């Protein structure tokens, strides 16, 4: 027997004995089952949540929107007027200046003078023993004249005039926190590929966190569009668990104190905020920060991050298996100068499983993305699956390298 034939036989040798050709279809089925249990089931759950009808709140509570601002003059001039157009009877906006170096202070004063619903405060220059954003949020929440507060970024813009009404429907007596969507809006300055990547990763991460919260493990959220009770925040001493980390405030707060019974999830598009797409370098740094935040968020967050890592590698290997199988089958037939009839059934099954692997992700995500009016990730889901494990590994390595620089020295 020639060397290539021996190599082919050895590569196909496995515990299936004479039915060694079935090793690859069996492996692919196993990976698909793992992928469904680790990732796709979250997407199915999200579709059910979005399809469930939600009634308006019988009583609309007063809501305060807390917006920490640092060098955000241009963003505030666009976002605050849109927030003021909300179809909601009783709300206020509290702008907290974090010692900005641009015209943010002047813009804040002008906005406050133009509408009585806008109030403002600032972070004192002498407050250097705490991270500015944490202190800004704490000052804003304490200054709020309502029990419910919403944390929003200065460049966040509501998708609908019913944003606050949609959140208020979840602000019930049985909830302390309400987690709502953040979507990526189009930006003419960013390449189309970068926008699609940011949109897909943002929404996929939110679906994962939403599924975790509904399963009893609220392990965090993106740093915007988080609604919480003021009394709950103060009773849990706010951000005291993360004073030395300059990011991850909301995630660490929720991971430490939120519970399943008192956490509501809103996947309604009317309750969403849009954020500008980050640049590629900024998005890579967000992965590094998420890695460090997950490391500090407790065992529940670490387990879910490990689950997502396993899902990423399962998807990558599932895409790799048909390619390896095809290469080995072609090599075997070329060296034998004939098609192996015994391989017909495994060939068909591998082909069908590979087609399912390519079509299932966009099929499962299409209703979610369509309902949220986001671009459907047809082939991008596959391209992302090929690159994501390596990006996550690179983020973990970079996080370990930069870990000492993350801790603020007072």
Protein backbone atom coordinates (compact mmCIF):
# COMPACT_ATOMS: atom_id res chain seq x y z
CA UNK A 1 0.00 0.00 0.00
CA UNK A 2 1.34 3.42 -0.93
CA UNK A 3 2.14 6.04 1.66
CA UNK A 4 -0.84 8.30 0.79
CA UNK A 5 -3.21 5.34 1.12
CA UNK A 6 -1.70 4.44 4.47
CA UNK A 7 -2.04 8.04 5.59
CA UNK A 8 -5.68 8.15 4.53
CA UNK A 9 -6.42 4.88 6.32
CA UNK A 10 -4.73 6.06 9.51
CA UNK A 11 -6.58 9.38 9.47
CA UNK A 12 -9.91 7.60 9.15
CA UNK A 13 -9.06 5.00 11.78
CA UNK A 14 -11.31 5.45 14.83
CA UNK A 15 -13.38 3.46 17.34
CA UNK A 16 -16.11 2.80 14.74
CA UNK A 17 -14.07 -0.10 13.33
CA UNK A 18 -15.15 -1.07 9.82
CA UNK A 19 -17.55 1.85 9.78
CA UNK A 20 -14.72 4.38 10.24
CA UNK A 21 -16.18 6.64 7.56
CA UNK A 22 -18.99 7.49 10.01
CA UNK A 23 -16.58 9.12 12.44
CA UNK A 24 -16.81 12.55 10.80
CA UNK A 25 -20.63 12.62 10.51
CA UNK A 26 -20.91 11.51 14.14
CA UNK A 27 -18.42 14.18 15.24
CA UNK A 28 -20.31 16.82 13.28
CA UNK A 29 -23.63 15.80 14.85
CA UNK A 30 -22.05 16.01 18.32
CA UNK A 31 -20.70 19.50 17.61
CA UNK A 32 -24.07 20.68 16.27
CA UNK A 33 -25.84 19.41 19.40
CA UNK A 34 -23.28 21.18 21.60
CA UNK A 35 -23.67 24.35 19.57
CA UNK A 36 -27.44 24.28 19.94
CA UNK A 37 -27.26 23.72 23.70
CA UNK A 38 -24.55 26.34 24.25
CA UNK A 39 -25.64 29.13 21.89
CA UNK A 40 -28.57 28.58 19.55
CA UNK A 41 -31.00 27.84 22.35
CA UNK A 42 -30.46 31.43 23.54
CA UNK A 43 -31.60 32.71 20.16
CA UNK A 44 -34.72 30.53 20.25
CA UNK A 45 -35.53 31.85 23.73
CA UNK A 46 -35.07 35.44 22.51
CA UNK A 47 -37.58 34.84 19.71
CA UNK A 48 -40.15 33.63 22.24
CA UNK A 49 -39.60 36.61 24.52
CA UNK A 50 -39.94 39.07 21.65
CA UNK A 51 -43.12 37.38 20.42
CA UNK A 52 -44.81 37.62 23.82
CA UNK A 53 -47.24 40.58 24.03
CA UNK A 54 -46.51 43.32 26.56
CA UNK A 55 -49.17 45.64 27.92
CA UNK A 56 -48.54 49.25 28.85
CA UNK A 57 -48.06 50.03 32.52
CA UNK A 58 -51.25 50.88 34.39
CA UNK A 59 -49.39 53.58 36.31
CA UNK A 60 -46.40 55.34 34.81
CA UNK A 61 -43.72 55.92 37.46
CA UNK A 62 -41.53 58.99 37.39
CA UNK A 63 -38.20 58.19 35.71
CA UNK A 64 -34.85 59.97 35.87
CA UNK A 65 -32.35 59.53 33.04
CA UNK A 66 -28.75 59.71 34.28
CA UNK A 67 -26.22 60.72 31.62
CA UNK A 68 -22.52 60.87 32.65
CA UNK A 69 -20.67 63.22 30.28
CA UNK A 70 -16.99 63.50 29.45
CA UNK A 71 -15.99 65.56 26.40
CA UNK A 72 -19.42 64.90 24.91
CA UNK A 73 -20.52 68.37 23.80
CA UNK A 74 -21.30 67.36 20.23
CA UNK A 75 -23.10 64.16 21.24
CA UNK A 76 -25.27 65.92 23.82
CA UNK A 77 -26.52 68.48 21.32
CA UNK A 78 -27.99 65.61 19.29
CA UNK A 79 -29.06 63.04 21.86
CA UNK A 80 -30.68 65.17 24.60
CA UNK A 81 -33.24 66.89 22.31
CA UNK A 82 -34.29 63.44 21.10
CA UNK A 83 -34.70 62.20 24.67
CA UNK A 84 -36.80 65.25 25.50
CA UNK A 85 -39.25 64.24 22.74
CA UNK A 86 -40.30 61.14 24.67
CA UNK A 87 -44.02 60.45 24.87
CA UNK A 88 -43.93 60.19 28.66
CA UNK A 89 -45.68 62.41 31.21
CA UNK A 90 -43.14 62.62 34.02
CA UNK A 91 -39.38 62.30 33.54
CA UNK A 92 -36.21 64.27 34.02
CA UNK A 93 -32.70 64.15 32.60
CA UNK A 94 -29.72 64.60 34.91
CA UNK A 95 -26.47 65.46 33.15
CA UNK A 96 -23.29 64.88 35.17
CA UNK A 97 -20.13 66.55 33.91
CA UNK A 98 -16.98 64.48 34.53
CA UNK A 99 -14.50 67.38 34.39
CA UNK A 100 -14.73 67.64 30.61
CA UNK A 101 -12.06 69.51 28.72
CA UNK A 102 -14.21 70.69 25.81
CA UNK A 103 -17.44 72.72 25.66
CA UNK A 104 -19.50 70.08 27.50
CA UNK A 105 -20.15 72.36 30.50
CA UNK A 106 -21.49 75.16 28.27
CA UNK A 107 -23.70 72.76 26.32
CA UNK A 108 -25.08 71.28 29.55
CA UNK A 109 -25.95 74.72 30.92
CA UNK A 110 -27.63 75.72 27.68
CA UNK A 111 -29.71 72.53 27.62
CA UNK A 112 -30.74 73.03 31.25
CA UNK A 113 -31.82 76.60 30.56
CA UNK A 114 -33.87 75.58 27.53
CA UNK A 115 -35.93 72.88 29.29
CA UNK A 116 -36.83 72.58 33.00
CA UNK A 117 -36.75 68.77 32.73
CA UNK A 118 -32.97 68.92 32.31
CA UNK A 119 -30.90 69.20 35.48
CA UNK A 120 -27.16 69.05 35.86
CA UNK A 121 -24.40 68.50 38.36
CA UNK A 122 -20.69 67.78 38.16
CA UNK A 123 -17.87 65.68 39.58
CA UNK A 124 -15.69 67.83 41.88
CA UNK A 125 -12.07 68.29 40.84
CA UNK A 126 -10.94 67.10 44.26
CA UNK A 127 -12.66 63.71 43.93
CA UNK A 128 -9.72 61.64 42.74
CA UNK A 129 -10.23 58.61 44.99
CA UNK A 130 -12.94 57.11 42.76
CA UNK A 131 -13.36 56.59 39.05
CA UNK A 132 -15.08 59.64 37.43
CA UNK A 133 -17.84 57.68 35.69
CA UNK A 134 -18.69 55.71 38.84
CA UNK A 135 -18.84 58.91 40.85
CA UNK A 136 -20.85 60.67 38.13
CA UNK A 137 -23.44 57.88 38.09
CA UNK A 138 -23.60 57.79 41.88
CA UNK A 139 -24.09 61.56 42.12
CA UNK A 140 -26.73 61.48 39.40
CA UNK A 141 -28.67 58.63 41.02
CA UNK A 142 -28.58 60.32 44.44
CA UNK A 143 -29.80 63.57 42.87
CA UNK A 144 -32.71 61.81 41.14
CA UNK A 145 -36.20 62.74 42.32
CA UNK A 146 -37.65 59.40 41.34
CA UNK A 147 -37.45 55.79 42.44
CA UNK A 148 -36.57 54.54 38.94
CA UNK A 149 -33.44 55.72 37.10
CA UNK A 150 -32.13 54.87 33.63
CA UNK A 151 -28.41 54.89 32.86
CA UNK A 152 -27.67 56.17 29.36
CA UNK A 153 -24.56 57.22 27.46
CA UNK A 154 -24.27 60.80 26.13
CA UNK A 155 -24.25 59.54 22.52
CA UNK A 156 -27.23 57.19 23.02
CA UNK A 157 -30.37 57.98 21.04
CA UNK A 158 -33.83 56.42 21.59
CA UNK A 159 -35.18 54.34 18.73
CA UNK A 160 -38.75 55.37 19.50
CA UNK A 161 -40.68 58.07 21.35
CA UNK A 162 -42.08 55.17 23.40
CA UNK A 163 -38.69 54.30 24.88
CA UNK A 164 -39.59 55.27 28.45
CA UNK A 165 -43.11 53.86 28.19
CA UNK A 166 -41.68 50.50 27.11
CA UNK A 167 -39.29 50.46 30.05
CA UNK A 168 -42.02 51.59 32.44
CA UNK A 169 -44.08 48.51 31.52
CA UNK A 170 -41.34 46.42 33.18
CA UNK A 171 -40.86 48.73 36.18
CA UNK A 172 -43.17 46.75 38.42
CA UNK A 173 -43.26 46.06 42.15
CA UNK A 174 -41.55 42.69 41.53
CA UNK A 175 -38.50 44.15 39.75
CA UNK A 176 -35.40 46.02 40.87
CA UNK A 177 -33.59 46.13 37.52
CA UNK A 178 -34.75 46.29 33.91
CA UNK A 179 -32.28 45.42 31.14
CA UNK A 180 -33.09 46.79 27.71
CA UNK A 181 -31.52 46.69 24.27
CA UNK A 182 -28.65 48.69 22.82
CA UNK A 183 -28.38 48.67 19.03
CA UNK A 184 -25.64 49.92 16.74
CA UNK A 185 -26.70 52.70 14.39
CA UNK A 186 -25.22 53.27 10.97
CA UNK A 187 -22.37 55.70 10.57
CA UNK A 188 -21.25 56.92 7.18
CA UNK A 189 -17.69 57.30 8.45
CA UNK A 190 -17.34 53.58 9.25
CA UNK A 191 -16.87 50.83 6.62
CA UNK A 192 -19.87 48.58 6.03
CA UNK A 193 -18.00 45.51 7.28
CA UNK A 194 -17.12 47.23 10.57
CA UNK A 195 -20.76 48.25 11.11
CA UNK A 196 -22.00 44.72 10.44
CA UNK A 197 -19.45 43.24 12.81
CA UNK A 198 -20.26 45.70 15.59
CA UNK A 199 -24.03 45.22 15.13
CA UNK A 200 -23.79 41.43 15.13
CA UNK A 201 -21.45 41.21 18.13
CA UNK A 202 -23.47 43.71 20.17
CA UNK A 203 -26.79 41.98 19.59
CA UNK A 204 -25.36 38.47 20.02
CA UNK A 205 -23.82 39.51 23.36
CA UNK A 206 -27.12 41.03 24.52
CA UNK A 207 -29.02 37.86 23.61
CA UNK A 208 -26.51 35.81 25.61
CA UNK A 209 -26.80 38.09 28.65
CA UNK A 210 -30.60 38.18 28.35
CA UNK A 211 -30.74 34.38 28.29
CA UNK A 212 -28.46 34.23 31.33
CA UNK A 213 -30.71 36.66 33.22
CA UNK A 214 -33.86 34.72 32.37
CA UNK A 215 -32.19 31.48 33.52
CA UNK A 216 -31.50 32.98 36.92
CA UNK A 217 -27.98 34.29 36.36
CA UNK A 218 -28.04 38.05 35.66
CA UNK A 219 -24.32 38.43 35.03
CA UNK A 220 -24.23 41.89 33.49
CA UNK A 221 -25.26 44.14 30.65
CA UNK A 222 -23.78 46.68 28.27
CA UNK A 223 -23.02 50.09 29.87
CA UNK A 224 -26.21 51.78 28.68
CA UNK A 225 -29.98 51.39 28.87
CA UNK A 226 -30.03 49.85 32.33
CA UNK A 227 -33.05 50.81 34.44
CA UNK A 228 -32.86 50.27 38.20
CA UNK A 229 -34.42 51.26 41.48
CA UNK A 230 -32.66 54.05 43.33
CA UNK A 231 -33.34 52.40 46.69
CA UNK A 232 -31.92 49.08 45.46
CA UNK A 233 -28.79 50.82 44.21
CA UNK A 234 -28.21 52.64 47.50
CA UNK A 235 -29.03 49.58 49.62
CA UNK A 236 -26.29 47.63 47.81
CA UNK A 237 -23.75 50.49 48.22
CA UNK A 238 -23.64 51.21 44.50
CA UNK A 239 -20.31 50.60 42.84
CA UNK A 240 -18.26 49.90 45.94
CA UNK A 241 -17.38 46.45 44.56
CA UNK A 242 -15.51 47.94 41.60
CA UNK A 243 -13.92 51.17 42.77
CA UNK A 244 -10.47 50.30 41.39
CA UNK A 245 -11.62 49.26 37.92
CA UNK A 246 -12.21 52.06 35.38
CA UNK A 247 -14.95 50.17 33.49
CA UNK A 248 -17.57 47.46 33.92
CA UNK A 249 -19.72 49.33 36.47
CA UNK A 250 -23.13 48.00 35.45
CA UNK A 251 -21.89 44.46 34.80
CA UNK A 252 -20.20 44.11 38.19
CA UNK A 253 -23.18 45.67 39.99
CA UNK A 254 -25.65 43.29 38.37
CA UNK A 255 -23.42 40.24 38.77
CA UNK A 256 -23.01 40.93 42.48
CA UNK A 257 -26.54 41.90 43.51
CA UNK A 258 -29.16 41.24 40.80
CA UNK A 259 -31.44 38.21 41.14
CA UNK A 260 -33.64 36.33 38.71
CA UNK A 261 -36.86 37.10 40.58
CA UNK A 262 -36.15 40.85 40.63
CA UNK A 263 -34.66 41.27 37.13
CA UNK A 264 -36.73 42.03 34.02
CA UNK A 265 -35.49 41.83 30.44
CA UNK A 266 -36.87 44.02 27.65
CA UNK A 267 -36.20 42.88 24.06
CA UNK A 268 -38.72 45.25 22.49
CA UNK A 269 -37.31 47.54 19.80
CA UNK A 270 -39.29 50.49 21.17
CA UNK A 271 -37.29 50.18 24.39
CA UNK A 272 -33.91 50.26 22.66
CA UNK A 273 -31.19 52.89 22.50
CA UNK A 274 -28.81 53.21 19.58
CA UNK A 275 -25.09 53.80 19.94
CA UNK A 276 -22.52 54.71 17.27
CA UNK A 277 -20.44 51.85 15.94
CA UNK A 278 -17.00 51.76 17.57
CA UNK A 279 -13.84 51.75 15.51
CA UNK A 280 -12.06 48.44 15.01
CA UNK A 281 -9.40 49.19 17.61
CA UNK A 282 -12.00 50.37 20.11
CA UNK A 283 -14.05 47.22 19.52
CA UNK A 284 -10.98 45.05 20.13
CA UNK A 285 -10.34 46.95 23.37
CA UNK A 286 -13.95 46.36 24.39
CA UNK A 287 -13.29 42.62 24.15
CA UNK A 288 -10.29 43.04 26.44
CA UNK A 289 -12.34 45.01 28.96
CA UNK A 290 -15.13 42.42 28.81
CA UNK A 291 -12.58 39.71 29.53
CA UNK A 292 -11.28 41.54 32.62
CA UNK A 293 -14.80 42.42 33.78
CA UNK A 294 -15.88 38.80 33.44
CA UNK A 295 -12.84 37.73 35.44
CA UNK A 296 -13.92 40.00 38.32
CA UNK A 297 -17.67 39.37 38.10
CA UNK A 298 -17.74 36.16 40.13
CA UNK A 299 -18.05 32.47 39.37
CA UNK A 300 -21.42 32.76 37.62
CA UNK A 301 -20.04 35.18 35.04
CA UNK A 302 -16.90 33.09 34.59
CA UNK A 303 -18.98 29.97 33.97
CA UNK A 304 -21.08 31.74 31.35
CA UNK A 305 -17.97 33.16 29.70
CA UNK A 306 -16.49 29.66 29.62
CA UNK A 307 -19.76 28.47 28.08
CA UNK A 308 -19.52 31.09 25.34
CA UNK A 309 -15.88 30.18 24.69
CA UNK A 310 -16.85 26.51 24.35
CA UNK A 311 -19.64 27.49 21.94
CA UNK A 312 -17.21 29.55 19.85
CA UNK A 313 -14.75 26.68 19.51
CA UNK A 314 -17.55 24.18 18.86
CA UNK A 315 -18.77 26.38 15.98
CA UNK A 316 -15.25 26.73 14.63
CA UNK A 317 -14.59 22.97 14.76
CA UNK A 318 -17.99 22.23 13.23
CA UNK A 319 -17.05 24.41 10.26
CA UNK A 320 -13.63 22.75 10.04
CA UNK A 321 -14.86 19.13 10.09
CA UNK A 322 -16.59 19.17 6.64
CA UNK A 323 -13.53 20.82 5.09
CA UNK A 324 -11.18 18.17 6.51
CA UNK A 325 -13.59 15.39 5.52
CA UNK A 326 -13.84 16.70 1.96
CA UNK A 327 -10.06 16.99 1.64
CA UNK A 328 -9.49 13.43 2.86
CA UNK A 329 -12.24 12.01 0.66
CA UNK A 330 -10.86 13.73 -2.42
CA UNK A 331 -7.36 12.52 -1.62
CA UNK A 332 -8.58 8.94 -1.17
CA UNK A 333 -10.53 8.90 -4.43
CA UNK A 334 -7.68 10.47 -6.38
CA UNK A 335 -5.18 7.89 -5.21
CA UNK A 336 -7.61 5.04 -5.82
CA UNK A 337 -8.71 6.47 -9.19
CA UNK A 338 -12.31 5.60 -8.32
CA UNK A 339 -15.16 6.79 -6.16
CA UNK A 340 -15.60 4.84 -2.93
CA UNK A 341 -19.17 3.56 -3.09
CA UNK A 342 -19.21 2.77 0.64
CA UNK A 343 -18.71 6.47 1.37
CA UNK A 344 -21.87 7.61 -0.43
CA UNK A 345 -24.08 7.69 2.67
CA UNK A 346 -21.49 9.47 4.88
CA UNK A 347 -20.83 11.94 2.04
CA UNK A 348 -24.51 12.84 1.79
CA UNK A 349 -24.93 13.16 5.55
CA UNK A 350 -21.84 15.36 5.93
CA UNK A 351 -23.08 17.55 3.07
CA UNK A 352 -26.52 17.93 4.69
CA UNK A 353 -25.04 18.65 8.12
CA UNK A 354 -22.67 21.24 6.63
CA UNK A 355 -25.60 22.91 4.87
CA UNK A 356 -27.53 22.94 8.16
CA UNK A 357 -24.53 24.49 9.90
CA UNK A 358 -24.43 27.31 7.35
CA UNK A 359 -28.19 27.92 7.19
CA UNK A 360 -29.34 27.46 10.80
CA UNK A 361 -27.63 30.52 12.37
CA UNK A 362 -29.15 33.09 9.95
CA UNK A 363 -32.46 31.18 10.01
CA UNK A 364 -32.62 31.39 13.82
CA UNK A 365 -31.42 34.99 13.95
CA UNK A 366 -33.47 36.33 11.05
CA UNK A 367 -36.73 36.90 13.04
CA UNK A 368 -34.79 38.63 15.84
CA UNK A 369 -32.83 40.92 13.51
CA UNK A 370 -35.89 41.64 11.35
CA UNK A 371 -37.99 42.57 14.38
CA UNK A 372 -35.24 44.91 15.54
CA UNK A 373 -34.74 46.23 11.99
CA UNK A 374 -31.09 45.22 11.94
CA UNK A 375 -29.24 43.78 8.91
CA UNK A 376 -29.62 39.98 8.83
CA UNK A 377 -26.18 38.29 9.17
CA UNK A 378 -26.50 35.80 6.33
CA UNK A 379 -22.96 34.63 5.60
CA UNK A 380 -21.39 36.94 8.17
CA UNK A 381 -22.42 34.59 11.00
CA UNK A 382 -20.17 31.92 9.46
CA UNK A 383 -17.27 34.32 8.87
CA UNK A 384 -17.60 35.60 12.42
CA UNK A 385 -17.60 32.03 13.78
CA UNK A 386 -14.28 31.34 12.03
CA UNK A 387 -12.58 34.41 13.49
CA UNK A 388 -14.25 34.81 16.87
CA UNK A 389 -12.34 32.09 18.81
CA UNK A 390 -9.03 33.62 17.77
CA UNK A 391 -10.21 37.13 18.62
CA UNK A 392 -11.36 35.94 22.05
CA UNK A 393 -8.05 34.17 22.65
CA UNK A 394 -6.15 37.31 21.61
CA UNK A 395 -8.33 39.39 23.95
CA UNK A 396 -7.62 37.02 26.85
CA UNK A 397 -3.86 37.19 26.22
CA UNK A 398 -3.94 40.97 25.93
CA UNK A 399 -6.08 41.21 29.06
CA UNK A 400 -3.55 39.25 31.07
CA UNK A 401 -0.79 41.46 29.70
CA UNK A 402 -2.59 44.70 30.61
CA UNK A 403 -4.23 43.56 33.86
CA UNK A 404 -1.95 45.59 36.11
CA UNK A 405 -2.68 48.77 34.16
CA UNK A 406 -6.44 48.34 34.64
CA UNK A 407 -6.26 48.84 38.39
CA UNK A 408 -6.43 52.50 39.32
CA UNK A 409 -3.70 53.70 41.68
CA UNK A 410 -4.90 56.28 44.19
